[in-house]
Amino acid sequence: MRLGTAVFFTLLATAAAAQDCETIRFSPGETGAFVEGQAPAEGSQCFSVDLRPGQNFFAEIVAGQEDIAISIPGIGDNRGRFEFVADASRYELWVHQTFRAVQAAPFTMLVKIE
């Protein structure tokens, strides 16, 4: 039974990783942007951001329900805020509702790179 469960979760993770991500682009001369979206009732809305290794990265949910969170594969799960020095050139930000919901919920996320 454990193998079946592991395979099931592996398939879920693969499906989530295969989703289309909207690329976050900054206006010329800008190092930050407010990103608006809808955290789906189930699953997540995916955004990607390109940067140079060594840059400081910051992302935070600044508006929306209290249960809206960000997960960044390989960095951390289910947080309202992330701040770290990048060691990769691209990251995916999966925005989701922490608890199962009936409908999508709007949010605003601040993303900054320095």
PDB file of N, CA and C in Angstrom:
ATOM      1  N   MET A   1       0.815  -1.196   0.000  1.00  0.00           N
ATOM      2  CA  MET A   1       0.000   0.000   0.000  1.00  0.00           C
ATOM      3  C   MET A   1       0.854   1.252   0.000  1.00  0.00           C
ATOM      4  N   ARG A   2       1.976   1.237   0.670  1.00  0.00           N
ATOM      5  CA  ARG A   2       2.842   2.411   0.700  1.00  0.00           C
ATOM      6  C   ARG A   2       3.347   2.768  -0.691  1.00  0.00           C
ATOM      7  N   LEU A   3       3.697   1.791  -1.492  1.00  0.00           N
ATOM      8  CA  LEU A   3       4.169   2.064  -2.847  1.00  0.00           C
ATOM      9  C   LEU A   3       3.078   2.717  -3.659  1.00  0.00           C
ATOM     10  N   GLY A   4       1.860   2.218  -3.557  1.00  0.00           N
ATOM     11  CA  GLY A   4       0.746   2.823  -4.283  1.00  0.00           C
ATOM     12  C   GLY A   4       0.535   4.273  -3.886  1.00  0.00           C
ATOM     13  N   THR A   5       0.653   4.560  -2.612  1.00  0.00           N
ATOM     14  CA  THR A   5       0.495   5.932  -2.139  1.00  0.00           C
ATOM     15  C   THR A   5       1.624   6.803  -2.677  1.00  0.00           C
ATOM     16  N   ALA A   6       2.842   6.302  -2.650  1.00  0.00           N
ATOM     17  CA  ALA A   6       3.976   7.071  -3.148  1.00  0.00           C
ATOM     18  C   ALA A   6       3.823   7.359  -4.634  1.00  0.00           C
ATOM     19  N   VAL A   7       3.385   6.383  -5.407  1.00  0.00           N
ATOM     20  CA  VAL A   7       3.174   6.575  -6.840  1.00  0.00           C
ATOM     21  C   VAL A   7       2.066   7.596  -7.066  1.00  0.00           C
ATOM     22  N   PHE A   8       0.995   7.519  -6.292  1.00  0.00           N
ATOM     23  CA  PHE A   8      -0.113   8.461  -6.416  1.00  0.00           C
ATOM     24  C   PHE A   8       0.377   9.889  -6.186  1.00  0.00           C
ATOM     25  N   PHE A   9       1.154  10.114  -5.114  1.00  0.00           N
ATOM     26  CA  PHE A   9       1.651  11.450  -4.830  1.00  0.00           C
ATOM     27  C   PHE A   9       2.672  11.900  -5.870  1.00  0.00           C
ATOM     28  N   THR A  10       3.463  10.989  -6.390  1.00  0.00           N
ATOM     29  CA  THR A  10       4.406  11.333  -7.450  1.00  0.00           C
ATOM     30  C   THR A  10       3.663  11.787  -8.686  1.00  0.00           C
ATOM     31  N   LEU A  11       2.578  11.114  -9.039  1.00  0.00           N
ATOM     32  CA  LEU A  11       1.788  11.526 -10.198  1.00  0.00           C
ATOM     33  C   LEU A  11       1.163  12.891  -9.976  1.00  0.00           C
ATOM     34  N   LEU A  12       0.690  13.165  -8.772  1.00  0.00           N
ATOM     35  CA  LEU A  12       0.133  14.488  -8.483  1.00  0.00           C
ATOM     36  C   LEU A  12       1.198  15.564  -8.606  1.00  0.00           C
ATOM     37  N   ALA A  13       2.382  15.311  -8.093  1.00  0.00           N
ATOM     38  CA  ALA A  13       3.456  16.298  -8.168  1.00  0.00           C
ATOM     39  C   ALA A  13       3.874  16.540  -9.613  1.00  0.00           C
ATOM     40  N   THR A  14       3.925  15.486 -10.417  1.00  0.00           N
ATOM     41  CA  THR A  14       4.281  15.624 -11.818  1.00  0.00           C
ATOM     42  C   THR A  14       3.236  16.438 -12.561  1.00  0.00           C
ATOM     43  N   ALA A  15       1.967  16.186 -12.301  1.00  0.00           N
ATOM     44  CA  ALA A  15       0.909  16.948 -12.956  1.00  0.00           C
ATOM     45  C   ALA A  15       0.971  18.415 -12.566  1.00  0.00           C
ATOM     46  N   ALA A  16       1.248  18.693 -11.302  1.00  0.00           N
ATOM     47  CA  ALA A  16       1.342  20.084 -10.860  1.00  0.00           C
ATOM     48  C   ALA A  16       2.528  20.770 -11.510  1.00  0.00           C
ATOM     49  N   ALA A  17       3.648  20.067 -11.640  1.00  0.00           N
ATOM     50  CA  ALA A  17       4.837  20.667 -12.232  1.00  0.00           C
ATOM     51  C   ALA A  17       4.652  20.923 -13.718  1.00  0.00           C
ATOM     52  N   ALA A  18       3.773  20.180 -14.360  1.00  0.00           N
ATOM     53  CA  ALA A  18       3.579  20.317 -15.798  1.00  0.00           C
ATOM     54  C   ALA A  18       2.631  21.449 -16.170  1.00  0.00           C
ATOM     55  N   GLN A  19       2.013  22.084 -15.186  1.00  0.00           N
ATOM     56  CA  GLN A  19       1.053  23.126 -15.506  1.00  0.00           C
ATOM     57  C   GLN A  19       1.723  24.330 -16.154  1.00  0.00           C
ATOM     58  N   ASP A  20       0.949  25.101 -16.886  1.00  0.00           N
ATOM     59  CA  ASP A  20       1.459  26.297 -17.532  1.00  0.00           C
ATOM     60  C   ASP A  20       1.642  27.394 -16.500  1.00  0.00           C
ATOM     61  N   CYS A  21       2.760  28.075 -16.581  1.00  0.00           N
ATOM     62  CA  CYS A  21       3.037  29.175 -15.670  1.00  0.00           C
ATOM     63  C   CYS A  21       3.027  30.487 -16.443  1.00  0.00           C
ATOM     64  N   GLU A  22       2.438  31.488 -15.831  1.00  0.00           N
ATOM     65  CA  GLU A  22       2.455  32.837 -16.394  1.00  0.00           C
ATOM     66  C   GLU A  22       3.769  33.487 -15.968  1.00  0.00           C
ATOM     67  N   THR A  23       4.525  34.021 -16.927  1.00  0.00           N
ATOM     68  CA  THR A  23       5.808  34.645 -16.616  1.00  0.00           C
ATOM     69  C   THR A  23       5.594  36.044 -16.052  1.00  0.00           C
ATOM     70  N   ILE A  24       6.230  36.325 -14.937  1.00  0.00           N
ATOM     71  CA  ILE A  24       6.186  37.661 -14.343  1.00  0.00           C
ATOM     72  C   ILE A  24       7.267  38.481 -15.021  1.00  0.00           C
ATOM     73  N   ARG A  25       6.859  39.593 -15.615  1.00  0.00           N
ATOM     74  CA  ARG A  25       7.800  40.490 -16.294  1.00  0.00           C
ATOM     75  C   ARG A  25       7.751  41.848 -15.611  1.00  0.00           C
ATOM     76  N   PHE A  26       8.920  42.431 -15.451  1.00  0.00           N
ATOM     77  CA  PHE A  26       9.019  43.746 -14.829  1.00  0.00           C
ATOM     78  C   PHE A  26       9.106  44.817 -15.920  1.00  0.00           C
ATOM     79  N   SER A  27       8.511  45.961 -15.650  1.00  0.00           N
ATOM     80  CA  SER A  27       8.618  47.090 -16.571  1.00  0.00           C
ATOM     81  C   SER A  27      10.076  47.535 -16.620  1.00  0.00           C
ATOM     82  N   PRO A  28      10.517  48.130 -17.748  1.00  0.00           N
ATOM     83  CA  PRO A  28      11.907  48.592 -17.850  1.00  0.00           C
ATOM     84  C   PRO A  28      12.286  49.495 -16.670  1.00  0.00           C
ATOM     85  N   GLY A  29      13.417  49.207 -16.066  1.00  0.00           N
ATOM     86  CA  GLY A  29      13.901  49.987 -14.943  1.00  0.00           C
ATOM     87  C   GLY A  29      13.287  49.625 -13.598  1.00  0.00           C
ATOM     88  N   GLU A  30      12.302  48.747 -13.570  1.00  0.00           N
ATOM     89  CA  GLU A  30      11.635  48.349 -12.336  1.00  0.00           C
ATOM     90  C   GLU A  30      12.218  47.040 -11.808  1.00  0.00           C
ATOM     91  N   THR A  31      12.240  46.896 -10.500  1.00  0.00           N
ATOM     92  CA  THR A  31      12.731  45.663  -9.882  1.00  0.00           C
ATOM     93  C   THR A  31      11.635  44.935  -9.111  1.00  0.00           C
ATOM     94  N   GLY A  32      10.414  45.445  -9.200  1.00  0.00           N
ATOM     95  CA  GLY A  32       9.308  44.823  -8.497  1.00  0.00           C
ATOM     96  C   GLY A  32       8.014  44.980  -9.275  1.00  0.00           C
ATOM     97  N   ALA A  33       7.043  44.158  -8.905  1.00  0.00           N
ATOM     98  CA  ALA A  33       5.742  44.221  -9.570  1.00  0.00           C
ATOM     99  C   ALA A  33       4.680  43.649  -8.647  1.00  0.00           C
ATOM    100  N   PHE A  34       3.479  44.217  -8.747  1.00  0.00           N
ATOM    101  CA  PHE A  34       2.318  43.640  -8.097  1.00  0.00           C
ATOM    102  C   PHE A  34       1.653  42.713  -9.104  1.00  0.00           C
ATOM    103  N   VAL A  35       1.393  41.487  -8.692  1.00  0.00           N
ATOM    104  CA  VAL A  35       0.785  40.478  -9.554  1.00  0.00           C
ATOM    105  C   VAL A  35      -0.585  40.143  -8.978  1.00  0.00           C
ATOM    106  N   GLU A  36      -1.611  40.280  -9.797  1.00  0.00           N
ATOM    107  CA  GLU A  36      -2.960  39.937  -9.350  1.00  0.00           C
ATOM    108  C   GLU A  36      -3.389  38.638  -9.994  1.00  0.00           C
ATOM    109  N   GLY A  37      -4.153  37.849  -9.263  1.00  0.00           N
ATOM    110  CA  GLY A  37      -4.615  36.583  -9.800  1.00  0.00           C
ATOM    111  C   GLY A  37      -5.766  36.021  -8.991  1.00  0.00           C
ATOM    112  N   GLN A  38      -6.097  34.782  -9.317  1.00  0.00           N
ATOM    113  CA  GLN A  38      -7.166  34.049  -8.644  1.00  0.00           C
ATOM    114  C   GLN A  38      -6.585  32.727  -8.136  1.00  0.00           C
ATOM    115  N   ALA A  39      -6.584  32.549  -6.828  1.00  0.00           N
ATOM    116  CA  ALA A  39      -6.176  31.265  -6.264  1.00  0.00           C
ATOM    117  C   ALA A  39      -7.352  30.311  -6.462  1.00  0.00           C
ATOM    118  N   PRO A  40      -7.172  29.248  -7.249  1.00  0.00           N
ATOM    119  CA  PRO A  40      -8.299  28.360  -7.530  1.00  0.00           C
ATOM    120  C   PRO A  40      -8.811  27.637  -6.288  1.00  0.00           C
ATOM    121  N   ALA A  41     -10.036  27.142  -6.385  1.00  0.00           N
ATOM    122  CA  ALA A  41     -10.629  26.388  -5.274  1.00  0.00           C
ATOM    123  C   ALA A  41      -9.795  25.144  -4.970  1.00  0.00           C
ATOM    124  N   GLU A  42      -9.296  24.496  -5.995  1.00  0.00           N
ATOM    125  CA  GLU A  42      -8.396  23.345  -5.850  1.00  0.00           C
ATOM    126  C   GLU A  42      -7.215  23.554  -6.784  1.00  0.00           C
ATOM    127  N   GLY A  43      -6.053  23.148  -6.384  1.00  0.00           N
ATOM    128  CA  GLY A  43      -4.872  23.327  -7.214  1.00  0.00           C
ATOM    129  C   GLY A  43      -4.233  24.680  -6.959  1.00  0.00           C
ATOM    130  N   SER A  44      -3.491  25.179  -7.942  1.00  0.00           N
ATOM    131  CA  SER A  44      -2.780  26.436  -7.767  1.00  0.00           C
ATOM    132  C   SER A  44      -2.679  27.188  -9.081  1.00  0.00           C
ATOM    133  N   GLN A  45      -2.421  28.477  -8.978  1.00  0.00           N
ATOM    134  CA  GLN A  45      -2.114  29.297 -10.145  1.00  0.00           C
ATOM    135  C   GLN A  45      -0.604  29.445 -10.153  1.00  0.00           C
ATOM    136  N   CYS A  46       0.021  29.179 -11.286  1.00  0.00           N
ATOM    137  CA  CYS A  46       1.475  29.154 -11.370  1.00  0.00           C
ATOM    138  C   CYS A  46       2.007  30.403 -12.066  1.00  0.00           C
ATOM    139  N   PHE A  47       3.051  30.960 -11.477  1.00  0.00           N
ATOM    140  CA  PHE A  47       3.788  32.074 -12.056  1.00  0.00           C
ATOM    141  C   PHE A  47       5.253  31.668 -12.100  1.00  0.00           C
ATOM    142  N   SER A  48       5.989  32.159 -13.087  1.00  0.00           N
ATOM    143  CA  SER A  48       7.428  31.922 -13.117  1.00  0.00           C
ATOM    144  C   SER A  48       8.133  33.269 -13.172  1.00  0.00           C
ATOM    145  N   VAL A  49       9.338  33.302 -12.644  1.00  0.00           N
ATOM    146  CA  VAL A  49      10.136  34.525 -12.646  1.00  0.00           C
ATOM    147  C   VAL A  49      11.570  34.145 -12.997  1.00  0.00           C
ATOM    148  N   ASP A  50      12.169  34.937 -13.888  1.00  0.00           N
ATOM    149  CA  ASP A  50      13.551  34.728 -14.299  1.00  0.00           C
ATOM    150  C   ASP A  50      14.441  35.736 -13.578  1.00  0.00           C
ATOM    151  N   LEU A  51      15.595  35.276 -13.110  1.00  0.00           N
ATOM    152  CA  LEU A  51      16.536  36.148 -12.435  1.00  0.00           C
ATOM    153  C   LEU A  51      17.932  35.565 -12.545  1.00  0.00           C
ATOM    154  N   ARG A  52      18.901  36.295 -12.034  1.00  0.00           N
ATOM    155  CA  ARG A  52      20.277  35.806 -12.044  1.00  0.00           C
ATOM    156  C   ARG A  52      20.616  35.215 -10.680  1.00  0.00           C
ATOM    157  N   PRO A  53      21.323  34.094 -10.672  1.00  0.00           N
ATOM    158  CA  PRO A  53      21.777  33.557  -9.387  1.00  0.00           C
ATOM    159  C   PRO A  53      22.548  34.640  -8.627  1.00  0.00           C
ATOM    160  N   GLY A  54      22.296  34.722  -7.325  1.00  0.00           N
ATOM    161  CA  GLY A  54      22.934  35.729  -6.492  1.00  0.00           C
ATOM    162  C   GLY A  54      22.044  36.931  -6.215  1.00  0.00           C
ATOM    163  N   GLN A  55      20.960  37.081  -6.996  1.00  0.00           N
ATOM    164  CA  GLN A  55      20.043  38.183  -6.744  1.00  0.00           C
ATOM    165  C   GLN A  55      19.172  37.866  -5.530  1.00  0.00           C
ATOM    166  N   ASN A  56      18.771  38.907  -4.825  1.00  0.00           N
ATOM    167  CA  ASN A  56      17.830  38.763  -3.716  1.00  0.00           C
ATOM    168  C   ASN A  56      16.431  38.669  -4.300  1.00  0.00           C
ATOM    169  N   PHE A  57      15.664  37.699  -3.815  1.00  0.00           N
ATOM    170  CA  PHE A  57      14.297  37.483  -4.290  1.00  0.00           C
ATOM    171  C   PHE A  57      13.341  37.655  -3.124  1.00  0.00           C
ATOM    172  N   PHE A  58      12.215  38.302  -3.402  1.00  0.00           N
ATOM    173  CA  PHE A  58      11.204  38.540  -2.381  1.00  0.00           C
ATOM    174  C   PHE A  58       9.836  38.356  -3.013  1.00  0.00           C
ATOM    175  N   ALA A  59       8.942  37.640  -2.347  1.00  0.00           N
ATOM    176  CA  ALA A  59       7.548  37.505  -2.783  1.00  0.00           C
ATOM    177  C   ALA A  59       6.669  37.445  -1.546  1.00  0.00           C
ATOM    178  N   GLU A  60       5.530  38.143  -1.606  1.00  0.00           N
ATOM    179  CA  GLU A  60       4.614  38.159  -0.473  1.00  0.00           C
ATOM    180  C   GLU A  60       3.187  38.379  -0.967  1.00  0.00           C
ATOM    181  N   ILE A  61       2.255  37.650  -0.385  1.00  0.00           N
ATOM    182  CA  ILE A  61       0.835  37.901  -0.643  1.00  0.00           C
ATOM    183  C   ILE A  61       0.485  39.150   0.168  1.00  0.00           C
ATOM    184  N   VAL A  62       0.088  40.233  -0.525  1.00  0.00           N
ATOM    185  CA  VAL A  62      -0.190  41.495   0.162  1.00  0.00           C
ATOM    186  C   VAL A  62      -1.680  41.811   0.257  1.00  0.00           C
ATOM    187  N   ALA A  63      -2.511  41.085  -0.488  1.00  0.00           N
ATOM    188  CA  ALA A  63      -3.961  41.277  -0.402  1.00  0.00           C
ATOM    189  C   ALA A  63      -4.649  39.973  -0.755  1.00  0.00           C
ATOM    190  N   GLY A  64      -5.735  39.694  -0.062  1.00  0.00           N
ATOM    191  CA  GLY A  64      -6.505  38.480  -0.303  1.00  0.00           C
ATOM    192  C   GLY A  64      -6.835  37.802   1.017  1.00  0.00           C
ATOM    193  N   GLN A  65      -7.509  36.699   0.910  1.00  0.00           N
ATOM    194  CA  GLN A  65      -7.880  35.928   2.101  1.00  0.00           C
ATOM    195  C   GLN A  65      -6.640  35.488   2.873  1.00  0.00           C
ATOM    196  N   GLU A  66      -6.806  35.291   4.173  1.00  0.00           N
ATOM    197  CA  GLU A  66      -5.681  34.884   5.016  1.00  0.00           C
ATOM    198  C   GLU A  66      -5.128  33.504   4.662  1.00  0.00           C
ATOM    199  N   ASP A  67      -5.931  32.655   4.020  1.00  0.00           N
ATOM    200  CA  ASP A  67      -5.459  31.298   3.726  1.00  0.00           C
ATOM    201  C   ASP A  67      -4.819  31.167   2.346  1.00  0.00           C
ATOM    202  N   ILE A  68      -4.519  32.269   1.669  1.00  0.00           N
ATOM    203  CA  ILE A  68      -3.828  32.196   0.378  1.00  0.00           C
ATOM    204  C   ILE A  68      -2.333  32.176   0.642  1.00  0.00           C
ATOM    205  N   ALA A  69      -1.638  31.234   0.001  1.00  0.00           N
ATOM    206  CA  ALA A  69      -0.218  31.036   0.264  1.00  0.00           C
ATOM    207  C   ALA A  69       0.538  30.776  -1.038  1.00  0.00           C
ATOM    208  N   ILE A  70       1.853  30.824  -0.921  1.00  0.00           N
ATOM    209  CA  ILE A  70       2.762  30.575  -2.040  1.00  0.00           C
ATOM    210  C   ILE A  70       3.572  29.325  -1.716  1.00  0.00           C
ATOM    211  N   SER A  71       3.803  28.500  -2.730  1.00  0.00           N
ATOM    212  CA  SER A  71       4.759  27.402  -2.634  1.00  0.00           C
ATOM    213  C   SER A  71       5.758  27.571  -3.763  1.00  0.00           C
ATOM    214  N   ILE A  72       7.041  27.384  -3.457  1.00  0.00           N
ATOM    215  CA  ILE A  72       8.097  27.450  -4.473  1.00  0.00           C
ATOM    216  C   ILE A  72       8.822  26.114  -4.428  1.00  0.00           C
ATOM    217  N   PRO A  73       8.662  25.277  -5.475  1.00  0.00           N
ATOM    218  CA  PRO A  73       9.297  23.960  -5.471  1.00  0.00           C
ATOM    219  C   PRO A  73      10.800  24.052  -5.185  1.00  0.00           C
ATOM    220  N   GLY A  74      11.255  23.222  -4.263  1.00  0.00           N
ATOM    221  CA  GLY A  74      12.657  23.179  -3.884  1.00  0.00           C
ATOM    222  C   GLY A  74      13.053  24.223  -2.851  1.00  0.00           C
ATOM    223  N   ILE A  75      12.142  25.159  -2.527  1.00  0.00           N
ATOM    224  CA  ILE A  75      12.449  26.212  -1.562  1.00  0.00           C
ATOM    225  C   ILE A  75      11.574  26.087  -0.316  1.00  0.00           C
ATOM    226  N   GLY A  76      10.257  26.049  -0.498  1.00  0.00           N
ATOM    227  CA  GLY A  76       9.365  25.947   0.654  1.00  0.00           C
ATOM    228  C   GLY A  76       7.908  25.896   0.231  1.00  0.00           C
ATOM    229  N   ASP A  77       7.063  25.480   1.151  1.00  0.00           N
ATOM    230  CA  ASP A  77       5.636  25.306   0.874  1.00  0.00           C
ATOM    231  C   ASP A  77       4.775  26.142   1.804  1.00  0.00           C
ATOM    232  N   ASN A  78       3.645  26.571   1.241  1.00  0.00           N
ATOM    233  CA  ASN A  78       2.543  27.101   2.036  1.00  0.00           C
ATOM    234  C   ASN A  78       2.929  28.264   2.948  1.00  0.00           C
ATOM    235  N   ARG A  79       3.541  29.275   2.351  1.00  0.00           N
ATOM    236  CA  ARG A  79       3.934  30.464   3.119  1.00  0.00           C
ATOM    237  C   ARG A  79       3.303  31.710   2.500  1.00  0.00           C
ATOM    238  N   GLY A  80       3.135  32.719   3.304  1.00  0.00           N
ATOM    239  CA  GLY A  80       2.632  33.995   2.811  1.00  0.00           C
ATOM    240  C   GLY A  80       3.730  34.890   2.288  1.00  0.00           C
ATOM    241  N   ARG A  81       4.996  34.521   2.615  1.00  0.00           N
ATOM    242  CA  ARG A  81       6.130  35.370   2.250  1.00  0.00           C
ATOM    243  C   ARG A  81       7.388  34.523   2.048  1.00  0.00           C
ATOM    244  N   PHE A  82       8.180  34.904   1.053  1.00  0.00           N
ATOM    245  CA  PHE A  82       9.476  34.272   0.806  1.00  0.00           C
ATOM    246  C   PHE A  82      10.515  35.361   0.617  1.00  0.00           C
ATOM    247  N   GLU A  83      11.717  35.114   1.121  1.00  0.00           N
ATOM    248  CA  GLU A  83      12.843  36.013   0.895  1.00  0.00           C
ATOM    249  C   GLU A  83      14.103  35.160   0.928  1.00  0.00           C
ATOM    250  N   PHE A  84      14.877  35.173  -0.175  1.00  0.00           N
ATOM    251  CA  PHE A  84      16.089  34.363  -0.239  1.00  0.00           C
ATOM    252  C   PHE A  84      16.999  34.870  -1.352  1.00  0.00           C
ATOM    253  N   VAL A  85      18.233  34.398  -1.342  1.00  0.00           N
ATOM    254  CA  VAL A  85      19.186  34.694  -2.403  1.00  0.00           C
ATOM    255  C   VAL A  85      19.070  33.567  -3.429  1.00  0.00           C
ATOM    256  N   ALA A  86      18.820  33.943  -4.666  1.00  0.00           N
ATOM    257  CA  ALA A  86      18.583  32.957  -5.722  1.00  0.00           C
ATOM    258  C   ALA A  86      19.855  32.181  -6.058  1.00  0.00           C
ATOM    259  N   ASP A  87      19.690  30.880  -6.274  1.00  0.00           N
ATOM    260  CA  ASP A  87      20.788  30.072  -6.783  1.00  0.00           C
ATOM    261  C   ASP A  87      20.411  29.425  -8.115  1.00  0.00           C
ATOM    262  N   ALA A  88      19.248  29.770  -8.630  1.00  0.00           N
ATOM    263  CA  ALA A  88      18.788  29.286  -9.937  1.00  0.00           C
ATOM    264  C   ALA A  88      18.378  30.492 -10.775  1.00  0.00           C
ATOM    265  N   SER A  89      18.158  30.257 -12.056  1.00  0.00           N
ATOM    266  CA  SER A  89      17.782  31.361 -12.946  1.00  0.00           C
ATOM    267  C   SER A  89      16.274  31.452 -13.179  1.00  0.00           C
ATOM    268  N   ARG A  90      15.529  30.483 -12.711  1.00  0.00           N
ATOM    269  CA  ARG A  90      14.071  30.517 -12.855  1.00  0.00           C
ATOM    270  C   ARG A  90      13.430  29.819 -11.661  1.00  0.00           C
ATOM    271  N   TYR A  91      12.373  30.439 -11.165  1.00  0.00           N
ATOM    272  CA  TYR A  91      11.597  29.853 -10.080  1.00  0.00           C
ATOM    273  C   TYR A  91      10.133  29.875 -10.461  1.00  0.00           C
ATOM    274  N   GLU A  92       9.407  28.871  -9.989  1.00  0.00           N
ATOM    275  CA  GLU A  92       7.949  28.839 -10.139  1.00  0.00           C
ATOM    276  C   GLU A  92       7.333  29.149  -8.791  1.00  0.00           C
ATOM    277  N   LEU A  93       6.312  29.998  -8.818  1.00  0.00           N
ATOM    278  CA  LEU A  93       5.569  30.360  -7.615  1.00  0.00           C
ATOM    279  C   LEU A  93       4.162  29.821  -7.798  1.00  0.00           C
ATOM    280  N   TRP A  94       3.752  28.898  -6.958  1.00  0.00           N
ATOM    281  CA  TRP A  94       2.411  28.315  -7.031  1.00  0.00           C
ATOM    282  C   TRP A  94       1.570  28.967  -5.946  1.00  0.00           C
ATOM    283  N   VAL A  95       0.573  29.715  -6.348  1.00  0.00           N
ATOM    284  CA  VAL A  95      -0.297  30.409  -5.400  1.00  0.00           C
ATOM    285  C   VAL A  95      -1.573  29.585  -5.246  1.00  0.00           C
ATOM    286  N   HIS A  96      -1.948  29.324  -4.013  1.00  0.00           N
ATOM    287  CA  HIS A  96      -3.068  28.421  -3.747  1.00  0.00           C
ATOM    288  C   HIS A  96      -3.769  28.811  -2.460  1.00  0.00           C
ATOM    289  N   GLN A  97      -4.921  28.213  -2.254  1.00  0.00           N
ATOM    290  CA  GLN A  97      -5.627  28.347  -0.984  1.00  0.00           C
ATOM    291  C   GLN A  97      -5.197  27.190  -0.088  1.00  0.00           C
ATOM    292  N   THR A  98      -4.888  27.497   1.142  1.00  0.00           N
ATOM    293  CA  THR A  98      -4.393  26.486   2.070  1.00  0.00           C
ATOM    294  C   THR A  98      -5.432  25.408   2.343  1.00  0.00           C
ATOM    295  N   PHE A  99      -6.687  25.811   2.434  1.00  0.00           N
ATOM    296  CA  PHE A  99      -7.757  24.863   2.717  1.00  0.00           C
ATOM    297  C   PHE A  99      -8.625  24.685   1.485  1.00  0.00           C
ATOM    298  N   ARG A 100      -9.239  23.530   1.362  1.00  0.00           N
ATOM    299  CA  ARG A 100     -10.158  23.279   0.251  1.00  0.00           C
ATOM    300  C   ARG A 100     -11.229  24.361   0.252  1.00  0.00           C
ATOM    301  N   ALA A 101     -11.550  24.859  -0.928  1.00  0.00           N
ATOM    302  CA  ALA A 101     -12.497  25.966  -1.034  1.00  0.00           C
ATOM    303  C   ALA A 101     -13.592  25.640  -2.041  1.00  0.00           C
ATOM    304  N   VAL A 102     -14.633  26.431  -2.014  1.00  0.00           N
ATOM    305  CA  VAL A 102     -15.755  26.260  -2.930  1.00  0.00           C
ATOM    306  C   VAL A 102     -15.516  27.047  -4.223  1.00  0.00           C
ATOM    307  N   GLN A 103     -14.813  28.171  -4.104  1.00  0.00           N
ATOM    308  CA  GLN A 103     -14.591  29.005  -5.284  1.00  0.00           C
ATOM    309  C   GLN A 103     -13.200  29.627  -5.241  1.00  0.00           C
ATOM    310  N   ALA A 104     -12.772  30.147  -6.388  1.00  0.00           N
ATOM    311  CA  ALA A 104     -11.485  30.828  -6.481  1.00  0.00           C
ATOM    312  C   ALA A 104     -11.524  32.103  -5.647  1.00  0.00           C
ATOM    313  N   ALA A 105     -10.351  32.554  -5.213  1.00  0.00           N
ATOM    314  CA  ALA A 105     -10.249  33.757  -4.385  1.00  0.00           C
ATOM    315  C   ALA A 105      -9.197  34.698  -4.968  1.00  0.00           C
ATOM    316  N   PRO A 106      -9.534  35.975  -5.119  1.00  0.00           N
ATOM    317  CA  PRO A 106      -8.573  36.931  -5.663  1.00  0.00           C
ATOM    318  C   PRO A 106      -7.438  37.219  -4.682  1.00  0.00           C
ATOM    319  N   PHE A 107      -6.273  37.567  -5.244  1.00  0.00           N
ATOM    320  CA  PHE A 107      -5.121  37.919  -4.411  1.00  0.00           C
ATOM    321  C   PHE A 107      -4.248  38.919  -5.170  1.00  0.00           C
ATOM    322  N   THR A 108      -3.388  39.581  -4.415  1.00  0.00           N
ATOM    323  CA  THR A 108      -2.337  40.407  -4.983  1.00  0.00           C
ATOM    324  C   THR A 108      -1.045  39.975  -4.316  1.00  0.00           C
ATOM    325  N   MET A 109      -0.025  39.740  -5.155  1.00  0.00           N
ATOM    326  CA  MET A 109       1.284  39.306  -4.681  1.00  0.00           C
ATOM    327  C   MET A 109       2.321  40.335  -5.110  1.00  0.00           C
ATOM    328  N   LEU A 110       3.199  40.717  -4.199  1.00  0.00           N
ATOM    329  CA  LEU A 110       4.316  41.594  -4.511  1.00  0.00           C
ATOM    330  C   LEU A 110       5.530  40.726  -4.774  1.00  0.00           C
ATOM    331  N   VAL A 111       6.205  40.943  -5.907  1.00  0.00           N
ATOM    332  CA  VAL A 111       7.413  40.204  -6.259  1.00  0.00           C
ATOM    333  C   VAL A 111       8.506  41.230  -6.533  1.00  0.00           C
ATOM    334  N   LYS A 112       9.676  41.070  -5.861  1.00  0.00           N
ATOM    335  CA  LYS A 112      10.790  41.987  -6.050  1.00  0.00           C
ATOM    336  C   LYS A 112      12.085  41.205  -6.242  1.00  0.00           C
ATOM    337  N   ILE A 113      12.953  41.763  -7.078  1.00  0.00           N
ATOM    338  CA  ILE A 113      14.278  41.200  -7.309  1.00  0.00           C
ATOM    339  C   ILE A 113      15.286  42.330  -7.189  1.00  0.00           C
ATOM    340  N   GLU A 114      16.323  42.121  -6.398  1.00  0.00           N
ATOM    341  CA  GLU A 114      17.357  43.158  -6.253  1.00  0.00           C
ATOM    342  C   GLU A 114      18.728  42.551  -6.432  1.00  0.00           C
TER     343      GLU A 114
END
